[in-house]
N, C-alpha and C. Protein backbone atom coordinates (compact mmCIF):
# COMPACT_ATOMS: atom_id res chain seq x y z
N MET A 1 -36.02 -45.81 -56.14
CA MET A 1 -35.21 -44.85 -55.46
C MET A 1 -35.73 -44.67 -54.04
N ALA A 2 -34.82 -44.32 -53.12
CA ALA A 2 -35.19 -44.21 -51.72
C ALA A 2 -36.01 -42.95 -51.48
N GLN A 3 -36.95 -43.10 -50.62
CA GLN A 3 -37.81 -41.96 -50.26
C GLN A 3 -37.26 -41.32 -48.98
N PRO A 4 -37.22 -40.02 -48.93
CA PRO A 4 -36.75 -39.36 -47.72
C PRO A 4 -37.75 -39.59 -46.58
N ILE A 5 -37.21 -39.73 -45.40
CA ILE A 5 -38.06 -39.92 -44.22
C ILE A 5 -38.46 -38.53 -43.72
N ALA A 6 -39.70 -38.34 -43.53
CA ALA A 6 -40.20 -37.05 -43.06
C ALA A 6 -39.89 -36.91 -41.56
N LEU A 7 -39.26 -35.85 -41.21
CA LEU A 7 -38.92 -35.59 -39.82
C LEU A 7 -39.78 -34.44 -39.32
N GLU A 8 -40.65 -34.78 -38.44
CA GLU A 8 -41.50 -33.75 -37.87
C GLU A 8 -41.19 -33.62 -36.38
N ILE A 9 -40.63 -32.48 -36.01
CA ILE A 9 -40.31 -32.21 -34.62
C ILE A 9 -41.45 -31.39 -34.04
N PRO A 10 -42.06 -31.88 -32.97
CA PRO A 10 -43.16 -31.11 -32.39
C PRO A 10 -42.65 -29.79 -31.85
N PRO A 11 -43.45 -28.76 -31.95
CA PRO A 11 -43.00 -27.46 -31.44
C PRO A 11 -42.77 -27.54 -29.93
N ARG A 12 -41.72 -26.87 -29.52
CA ARG A 12 -41.33 -26.89 -28.11
C ARG A 12 -42.18 -25.89 -27.33
N ASN A 13 -42.65 -26.33 -26.18
CA ASN A 13 -43.46 -25.47 -25.34
C ASN A 13 -42.64 -25.08 -24.11
N PRO A 14 -42.07 -23.88 -24.11
CA PRO A 14 -41.20 -23.49 -22.99
C PRO A 14 -41.96 -23.44 -21.66
N ARG A 15 -43.23 -23.06 -21.68
CA ARG A 15 -44.00 -23.00 -20.44
C ARG A 15 -44.16 -24.40 -19.83
N ALA A 16 -44.40 -25.38 -20.67
CA ALA A 16 -44.56 -26.75 -20.17
C ALA A 16 -43.23 -27.25 -19.60
N ASP A 17 -42.10 -26.90 -20.24
CA ASP A 17 -40.79 -27.29 -19.73
C ASP A 17 -40.54 -26.67 -18.35
N LEU A 18 -40.85 -25.38 -18.22
CA LEU A 18 -40.67 -24.72 -16.94
C LEU A 18 -41.57 -25.33 -15.87
N ARG A 19 -42.83 -25.58 -16.22
CA ARG A 19 -43.78 -26.16 -15.27
C ARG A 19 -43.26 -27.52 -14.80
N SER A 20 -42.72 -28.29 -15.72
CA SER A 20 -42.20 -29.61 -15.37
C SER A 20 -41.00 -29.49 -14.42
N ARG A 21 -40.12 -28.53 -14.69
CA ARG A 21 -38.96 -28.33 -13.81
C ARG A 21 -39.39 -27.87 -12.43
N VAL A 22 -40.39 -26.99 -12.38
CA VAL A 22 -40.88 -26.50 -11.09
C VAL A 22 -41.51 -27.64 -10.29
N GLU A 23 -42.22 -28.51 -10.95
CA GLU A 23 -42.85 -29.63 -10.26
C GLU A 23 -41.81 -30.61 -9.71
N ARG A 24 -40.69 -30.78 -10.42
CA ARG A 24 -39.63 -31.69 -9.97
C ARG A 24 -38.71 -31.05 -8.92
N ALA A 25 -38.67 -29.73 -8.86
CA ALA A 25 -37.71 -29.01 -8.01
C ALA A 25 -37.79 -29.39 -6.54
N PRO A 26 -38.99 -29.46 -5.91
CA PRO A 26 -38.99 -29.80 -4.47
C PRO A 26 -38.34 -31.15 -4.17
N GLU A 27 -38.49 -32.11 -5.05
CA GLU A 27 -37.88 -33.42 -4.81
C GLU A 27 -36.38 -33.38 -5.03
N GLU A 28 -35.96 -32.72 -6.10
CA GLU A 28 -34.53 -32.70 -6.45
C GLU A 28 -33.72 -31.79 -5.54
N HIS A 29 -34.34 -30.74 -5.04
CA HIS A 29 -33.60 -29.73 -4.27
C HIS A 29 -34.20 -29.53 -2.89
N ALA A 30 -34.68 -30.57 -2.27
CA ALA A 30 -35.38 -30.46 -0.99
C ALA A 30 -34.51 -29.81 0.09
N GLU A 31 -33.25 -30.22 0.22
CA GLU A 31 -32.38 -29.66 1.25
C GLU A 31 -32.14 -28.18 1.02
N ALA A 32 -31.89 -27.82 -0.23
CA ALA A 32 -31.64 -26.41 -0.53
C ALA A 32 -32.88 -25.57 -0.28
N VAL A 33 -34.05 -26.08 -0.62
CA VAL A 33 -35.29 -25.34 -0.40
C VAL A 33 -35.52 -25.15 1.10
N LEU A 34 -35.30 -26.20 1.89
CA LEU A 34 -35.45 -26.07 3.34
C LEU A 34 -34.46 -25.08 3.92
N ALA A 35 -33.23 -25.13 3.45
CA ALA A 35 -32.22 -24.19 3.93
C ALA A 35 -32.61 -22.76 3.57
N ALA A 36 -33.14 -22.56 2.38
CA ALA A 36 -33.58 -21.22 1.97
C ALA A 36 -34.73 -20.74 2.85
N TYR A 37 -35.67 -21.63 3.17
CA TYR A 37 -36.77 -21.25 4.06
C TYR A 37 -36.23 -20.87 5.45
N GLU A 38 -35.27 -21.63 5.95
CA GLU A 38 -34.69 -21.34 7.26
C GLU A 38 -33.98 -19.98 7.25
N LEU A 39 -33.24 -19.73 6.18
CA LEU A 39 -32.55 -18.45 6.04
C LEU A 39 -33.55 -17.31 5.98
N LEU A 40 -34.60 -17.49 5.21
CA LEU A 40 -35.64 -16.47 5.08
C LEU A 40 -36.30 -16.20 6.44
N GLN A 41 -36.56 -17.25 7.20
CA GLN A 41 -37.17 -17.08 8.53
C GLN A 41 -36.22 -16.34 9.46
N GLU A 42 -34.94 -16.67 9.41
CA GLU A 42 -33.96 -15.99 10.27
C GLU A 42 -33.84 -14.51 9.89
N LEU A 43 -33.85 -14.22 8.60
CA LEU A 43 -33.82 -12.81 8.16
C LEU A 43 -35.05 -12.08 8.67
N HIS A 44 -36.18 -12.74 8.66
CA HIS A 44 -37.41 -12.14 9.17
C HIS A 44 -37.32 -11.93 10.68
N ASN A 45 -36.84 -12.93 11.41
CA ASN A 45 -36.72 -12.83 12.87
C ASN A 45 -35.80 -11.68 13.28
N GLN A 46 -34.73 -11.47 12.55
CA GLN A 46 -33.76 -10.44 12.88
C GLN A 46 -34.18 -9.05 12.39
N GLY A 47 -35.26 -8.98 11.61
CA GLY A 47 -35.74 -7.69 11.12
C GLY A 47 -35.05 -7.22 9.86
N VAL A 48 -34.23 -8.06 9.28
CA VAL A 48 -33.49 -7.66 8.07
C VAL A 48 -34.46 -7.44 6.91
N LEU A 49 -35.46 -8.27 6.81
CA LEU A 49 -36.43 -8.11 5.71
C LEU A 49 -37.19 -6.80 5.83
N ASP A 50 -37.53 -6.41 7.05
CA ASP A 50 -38.20 -5.12 7.26
C ASP A 50 -37.31 -3.96 6.86
N ILE A 51 -36.03 -4.06 7.22
CA ILE A 51 -35.08 -3.02 6.86
C ILE A 51 -34.95 -2.93 5.34
N MET A 52 -34.84 -4.08 4.69
CA MET A 52 -34.71 -4.09 3.23
C MET A 52 -35.97 -3.53 2.57
N ARG A 53 -37.13 -3.89 3.10
CA ARG A 53 -38.38 -3.38 2.55
C ARG A 53 -38.45 -1.86 2.70
N SER A 54 -38.05 -1.35 3.87
CA SER A 54 -38.04 0.09 4.10
C SER A 54 -37.04 0.79 3.19
N ALA A 55 -35.87 0.17 3.02
CA ALA A 55 -34.85 0.77 2.15
C ALA A 55 -35.34 0.83 0.71
N LEU A 56 -36.03 -0.20 0.26
CA LEU A 56 -36.57 -0.18 -1.09
C LEU A 56 -37.65 0.88 -1.24
N ALA A 57 -38.47 1.05 -0.21
CA ALA A 57 -39.53 2.05 -0.28
C ALA A 57 -38.94 3.46 -0.32
N ALA A 58 -37.83 3.67 0.39
CA ALA A 58 -37.23 5.01 0.46
C ALA A 58 -35.98 5.10 -0.41
N ARG A 59 -35.88 4.29 -1.45
CA ARG A 59 -34.63 4.23 -2.22
C ARG A 59 -34.24 5.56 -2.84
N ASP A 60 -35.20 6.34 -3.34
CA ASP A 60 -34.85 7.62 -3.96
C ASP A 60 -34.29 8.59 -2.92
N GLU A 61 -34.91 8.63 -1.75
CA GLU A 61 -34.44 9.51 -0.69
C GLU A 61 -33.07 9.07 -0.19
N LEU A 62 -32.89 7.76 -0.01
CA LEU A 62 -31.60 7.24 0.45
C LEU A 62 -30.50 7.54 -0.57
N LEU A 63 -30.80 7.31 -1.84
CA LEU A 63 -29.81 7.55 -2.88
C LEU A 63 -29.43 9.02 -2.93
N GLU A 64 -30.41 9.90 -2.76
CA GLU A 64 -30.14 11.33 -2.76
C GLU A 64 -29.22 11.71 -1.60
N LYS A 65 -29.45 11.13 -0.41
CA LYS A 65 -28.61 11.43 0.75
C LYS A 65 -27.19 10.89 0.56
N VAL A 66 -27.10 9.69 0.00
CA VAL A 66 -25.78 9.11 -0.24
C VAL A 66 -25.00 9.97 -1.23
N VAL A 67 -25.66 10.40 -2.29
CA VAL A 67 -24.98 11.23 -3.29
C VAL A 67 -24.58 12.57 -2.69
N ASP A 68 -25.48 13.18 -1.90
CA ASP A 68 -25.14 14.46 -1.26
C ASP A 68 -23.94 14.32 -0.35
N ASN A 69 -23.89 13.24 0.43
CA ASN A 69 -22.74 13.03 1.32
C ASN A 69 -21.48 12.68 0.55
N ALA A 70 -21.62 11.97 -0.55
CA ALA A 70 -20.44 11.58 -1.33
C ALA A 70 -19.82 12.78 -2.03
N LYS A 71 -20.57 13.85 -2.22
CA LYS A 71 -20.05 15.05 -2.89
C LYS A 71 -19.19 15.90 -1.96
N LYS A 72 -19.29 15.68 -0.66
CA LYS A 72 -18.56 16.52 0.29
C LYS A 72 -17.06 16.27 0.16
N PRO A 73 -16.28 17.33 0.33
CA PRO A 73 -14.81 17.18 0.18
C PRO A 73 -14.22 16.14 1.12
N GLU A 74 -14.72 16.05 2.37
CA GLU A 74 -14.15 15.08 3.29
C GLU A 74 -14.46 13.65 2.86
N ALA A 75 -15.62 13.43 2.22
CA ALA A 75 -15.94 12.09 1.73
C ALA A 75 -15.04 11.74 0.54
N ILE A 76 -14.80 12.70 -0.31
CA ILE A 76 -13.92 12.46 -1.47
C ILE A 76 -12.51 12.15 -0.98
N ARG A 77 -12.03 12.92 0.01
CA ARG A 77 -10.70 12.64 0.57
C ARG A 77 -10.66 11.27 1.22
N GLY A 78 -11.73 10.92 1.93
CA GLY A 78 -11.78 9.60 2.57
C GLY A 78 -11.70 8.47 1.56
N ILE A 79 -12.44 8.60 0.48
CA ILE A 79 -12.41 7.57 -0.57
C ILE A 79 -11.03 7.49 -1.20
N ARG A 80 -10.45 8.65 -1.48
CA ARG A 80 -9.10 8.66 -2.05
C ARG A 80 -8.10 8.01 -1.10
N ASN A 81 -8.22 8.34 0.20
CA ASN A 81 -7.32 7.76 1.19
C ASN A 81 -7.47 6.25 1.26
N LEU A 82 -8.71 5.77 1.22
CA LEU A 82 -8.92 4.32 1.24
C LEU A 82 -8.27 3.65 0.04
N LEU A 83 -8.44 4.24 -1.13
CA LEU A 83 -7.83 3.66 -2.33
C LEU A 83 -6.31 3.69 -2.24
N TYR A 84 -5.79 4.79 -1.73
CA TYR A 84 -4.33 4.90 -1.61
C TYR A 84 -3.80 3.91 -0.58
N ARG A 85 -4.51 3.78 0.56
CA ARG A 85 -4.09 2.82 1.59
C ARG A 85 -4.10 1.40 1.04
N HIS A 86 -5.09 1.11 0.23
CA HIS A 86 -5.17 -0.23 -0.37
C HIS A 86 -3.93 -0.50 -1.21
N ARG A 87 -3.53 0.49 -2.00
CA ARG A 87 -2.35 0.33 -2.85
C ARG A 87 -1.09 0.20 -2.00
N ILE A 88 -0.98 1.01 -0.94
CA ILE A 88 0.19 0.96 -0.07
C ILE A 88 0.25 -0.38 0.65
N LEU A 89 -0.86 -0.81 1.24
CA LEU A 89 -0.88 -2.07 1.99
C LEU A 89 -0.56 -3.25 1.06
N GLY A 90 -0.98 -3.17 -0.18
CA GLY A 90 -0.68 -4.23 -1.13
C GLY A 90 0.79 -4.31 -1.48
N SER A 91 1.52 -3.23 -1.29
CA SER A 91 2.95 -3.23 -1.64
C SER A 91 3.83 -3.69 -0.48
N ILE A 92 3.26 -3.85 0.70
CA ILE A 92 4.05 -4.26 1.88
C ILE A 92 4.00 -5.77 2.03
N GLU A 93 5.15 -6.36 2.25
CA GLU A 93 5.24 -7.80 2.41
C GLU A 93 4.51 -8.25 3.68
N PRO A 94 3.73 -9.32 3.62
CA PRO A 94 2.99 -9.79 4.80
C PRO A 94 3.88 -10.14 5.99
N GLU A 95 5.11 -10.58 5.72
CA GLU A 95 6.01 -10.94 6.81
C GLU A 95 6.32 -9.73 7.69
N TRP A 96 6.39 -8.54 7.06
CA TRP A 96 6.68 -7.34 7.85
C TRP A 96 5.52 -7.05 8.79
N PHE A 97 4.30 -7.18 8.29
CA PHE A 97 3.14 -6.97 9.14
C PHE A 97 3.10 -8.00 10.26
N ARG A 98 3.42 -9.23 9.92
CA ARG A 98 3.41 -10.28 10.94
C ARG A 98 4.37 -9.91 12.07
N GLY A 99 5.55 -9.43 11.71
CA GLY A 99 6.52 -9.02 12.72
C GLY A 99 6.01 -7.89 13.59
N ILE A 100 5.36 -6.92 12.96
CA ILE A 100 4.81 -5.79 13.72
C ILE A 100 3.72 -6.27 14.67
N PHE A 101 2.80 -7.06 14.15
CA PHE A 101 1.66 -7.48 14.96
C PHE A 101 2.06 -8.49 16.03
N GLN A 102 3.12 -9.24 15.83
CA GLN A 102 3.60 -10.13 16.88
C GLN A 102 4.34 -9.33 17.96
N ALA A 103 4.97 -8.23 17.56
CA ALA A 103 5.73 -7.42 18.52
C ALA A 103 4.82 -6.61 19.44
N ILE A 104 3.62 -6.28 18.99
CA ILE A 104 2.73 -5.44 19.81
C ILE A 104 2.39 -6.12 21.14
N PRO A 105 1.82 -7.34 21.14
CA PRO A 105 1.50 -7.93 22.45
C PRO A 105 2.75 -8.22 23.29
N GLU A 106 3.83 -8.58 22.62
CA GLU A 106 5.07 -8.85 23.36
C GLU A 106 5.57 -7.58 24.05
N GLY A 107 5.56 -6.46 23.32
CA GLY A 107 6.00 -5.19 23.90
C GLY A 107 5.08 -4.73 25.02
N LEU A 108 3.77 -4.92 24.83
CA LEU A 108 2.83 -4.54 25.88
C LEU A 108 3.02 -5.40 27.13
N ALA A 109 3.29 -6.67 26.95
CA ALA A 109 3.53 -7.55 28.10
C ALA A 109 4.78 -7.11 28.85
N ARG A 110 5.84 -6.74 28.12
CA ARG A 110 7.07 -6.27 28.78
C ARG A 110 6.81 -4.97 29.52
N ALA A 111 6.02 -4.07 28.92
CA ALA A 111 5.73 -2.79 29.56
C ALA A 111 4.92 -3.01 30.83
N ARG A 112 3.97 -3.95 30.81
CA ARG A 112 3.17 -4.25 32.01
C ARG A 112 4.06 -4.83 33.10
N ALA A 113 4.99 -5.69 32.71
CA ALA A 113 5.90 -6.29 33.69
C ALA A 113 6.77 -5.21 34.31
N ASP A 114 7.14 -4.20 33.53
CA ASP A 114 7.99 -3.11 34.03
C ASP A 114 7.23 -2.19 34.97
N GLN A 115 5.90 -2.22 34.95
CA GLN A 115 5.12 -1.36 35.83
C GLN A 115 5.24 -1.79 37.29
N GLN A 116 5.60 -3.05 37.50
CA GLN A 116 5.70 -3.57 38.87
C GLN A 116 6.85 -2.90 39.62
N LYS A 117 7.93 -2.62 38.91
CA LYS A 117 9.08 -1.98 39.55
C LYS A 117 9.57 -0.86 38.64
N PRO A 118 10.07 0.21 39.18
CA PRO A 118 10.55 1.31 38.34
C PRO A 118 11.78 0.88 37.55
N VAL A 119 11.82 1.33 36.30
CA VAL A 119 12.94 0.99 35.43
C VAL A 119 13.98 2.09 35.53
N GLY A 120 15.22 1.69 35.76
CA GLY A 120 16.29 2.67 35.91
C GLY A 120 16.81 3.14 34.56
N LEU A 121 17.52 4.25 34.61
CA LEU A 121 18.08 4.85 33.41
C LEU A 121 19.08 3.90 32.74
N PHE A 122 19.90 3.23 33.52
CA PHE A 122 20.89 2.33 32.94
C PHE A 122 20.23 1.11 32.30
N THR A 123 19.12 0.66 32.90
CA THR A 123 18.38 -0.46 32.31
C THR A 123 17.83 -0.06 30.95
N LEU A 124 17.29 1.16 30.88
CA LEU A 124 16.77 1.65 29.61
C LEU A 124 17.89 1.79 28.57
N LEU A 125 19.03 2.33 28.99
CA LEU A 125 20.16 2.48 28.06
C LEU A 125 20.66 1.12 27.59
N ARG A 126 20.71 0.14 28.50
CA ARG A 126 21.15 -1.20 28.10
C ARG A 126 20.18 -1.78 27.07
N ARG A 127 18.88 -1.61 27.31
CA ARG A 127 17.90 -2.09 26.33
C ARG A 127 18.03 -1.35 25.00
N LEU A 128 18.29 -0.05 25.08
CA LEU A 128 18.43 0.75 23.87
C LEU A 128 19.63 0.31 23.04
N MET A 129 20.65 -0.18 23.69
CA MET A 129 21.86 -0.58 22.97
C MET A 129 21.79 -2.01 22.44
N SER A 130 20.69 -2.72 22.70
CA SER A 130 20.58 -4.08 22.18
C SER A 130 20.42 -4.05 20.65
N LYS A 131 20.79 -5.15 20.03
CA LYS A 131 20.74 -5.24 18.58
C LYS A 131 19.31 -5.03 18.06
N ASP A 132 18.33 -5.62 18.73
CA ASP A 132 16.94 -5.49 18.29
C ASP A 132 16.44 -4.06 18.43
N SER A 133 16.80 -3.39 19.51
CA SER A 133 16.38 -2.00 19.70
C SER A 133 16.99 -1.09 18.64
N ARG A 134 18.28 -1.30 18.36
CA ARG A 134 18.94 -0.47 17.34
C ARG A 134 18.31 -0.72 15.97
N ARG A 135 17.96 -1.97 15.67
CA ARG A 135 17.31 -2.28 14.39
C ARG A 135 15.95 -1.57 14.31
N GLY A 136 15.19 -1.61 15.41
CA GLY A 136 13.89 -0.93 15.43
C GLY A 136 14.02 0.57 15.31
N LEU A 137 15.03 1.14 16.01
CA LEU A 137 15.26 2.58 15.91
C LEU A 137 15.69 2.98 14.49
N ALA A 138 16.51 2.17 13.87
CA ALA A 138 16.93 2.47 12.50
C ALA A 138 15.72 2.47 11.57
N ALA A 139 14.83 1.51 11.74
CA ALA A 139 13.63 1.46 10.90
C ALA A 139 12.74 2.67 11.17
N ALA A 140 12.59 3.04 12.44
CA ALA A 140 11.76 4.20 12.79
C ALA A 140 12.35 5.49 12.24
N ILE A 141 13.66 5.63 12.31
CA ILE A 141 14.31 6.83 11.78
C ILE A 141 14.19 6.88 10.27
N ALA A 142 14.35 5.75 9.60
CA ALA A 142 14.19 5.73 8.14
C ALA A 142 12.77 6.14 7.76
N PHE A 143 11.79 5.65 8.51
CA PHE A 143 10.40 6.03 8.24
C PHE A 143 10.22 7.53 8.45
N LEU A 144 10.74 8.06 9.57
CA LEU A 144 10.59 9.49 9.86
C LEU A 144 11.26 10.35 8.80
N GLN A 145 12.43 9.92 8.30
CA GLN A 145 13.09 10.68 7.25
C GLN A 145 12.25 10.70 5.97
N ALA A 146 11.72 9.56 5.59
CA ALA A 146 10.88 9.51 4.38
C ALA A 146 9.62 10.34 4.58
N PHE A 147 9.01 10.23 5.76
CA PHE A 147 7.80 10.99 6.05
C PHE A 147 8.09 12.49 6.01
N GLY A 148 9.19 12.91 6.62
CA GLY A 148 9.57 14.32 6.61
C GLY A 148 9.83 14.83 5.21
N GLY A 149 10.45 14.00 4.38
CA GLY A 149 10.69 14.40 2.99
C GLY A 149 9.39 14.61 2.23
N HIS A 150 8.42 13.76 2.49
CA HIS A 150 7.13 13.91 1.82
C HIS A 150 6.35 15.10 2.37
N LEU A 151 6.51 15.41 3.64
CA LEU A 151 5.83 16.58 4.21
C LEU A 151 6.34 17.86 3.57
N GLN A 152 7.64 17.92 3.31
CA GLN A 152 8.22 19.12 2.73
C GLN A 152 7.80 19.27 1.27
N SER A 153 7.74 18.16 0.53
CA SER A 153 7.44 18.25 -0.89
C SER A 153 5.95 18.37 -1.19
N GLU A 154 5.10 17.97 -0.27
CA GLU A 154 3.66 18.02 -0.52
C GLU A 154 2.94 18.74 0.60
N GLU A 155 2.99 20.06 0.57
CA GLU A 155 2.26 20.84 1.57
C GLU A 155 0.78 20.74 1.24
N PRO A 156 -0.11 20.76 2.23
CA PRO A 156 -1.54 20.53 2.03
C PRO A 156 -2.18 21.38 0.95
N GLY A 157 -1.89 22.64 0.86
CA GLY A 157 -2.53 23.50 -0.14
C GLY A 157 -2.03 23.25 -1.54
N ARG A 158 -0.75 22.89 -1.68
CA ARG A 158 -0.13 22.73 -2.99
C ARG A 158 -0.53 21.45 -3.69
N ALA A 159 -0.77 20.36 -2.95
CA ALA A 159 -1.06 19.06 -3.56
C ALA A 159 -2.34 19.09 -4.35
N SER A 160 -3.35 19.87 -3.91
CA SER A 160 -4.62 19.89 -4.62
C SER A 160 -4.72 21.07 -5.58
N GLY A 161 -3.62 21.82 -5.75
CA GLY A 161 -3.63 22.90 -6.71
C GLY A 161 -4.02 24.24 -6.09
N GLN A 162 -4.18 24.29 -4.77
CA GLN A 162 -4.53 25.54 -4.09
C GLN A 162 -3.25 26.15 -3.53
N SER A 163 -2.91 27.34 -3.91
CA SER A 163 -1.72 27.99 -3.39
C SER A 163 -2.08 29.20 -2.59
């Protein structure tokens, strides 16, 4: 009858495995190690490491100041406003922003050109009656109507439960 083959696996030495990896690391990762040294030197040159060391030494005091400031009503409102703005900005199509941001320098350039000579009342009325001006005015009026509606429904004291 066949005899079973004895399988003896030597015990694994994790320290020896780590030591072996550490010894091979400079050869295998030479570029990354050099880049890390360069980054570390630049952080030292700029004083970032000193700032980090100081921040770690004073971490309890810094944390206490941050918490004290975060408890203030204006900080809470600021955080809420940031979160709300994030939600609002996420709901607006990027094309609309592109149109607004492209119109700003164009409008400023036109206004600068108009500074050279006085603009007459009829010139302003003609510009106001253009299709683009009417479209812009309609958008501005729609915004003002919505804003006014929200001002009436959410007075500052009532929104937070203070009457």
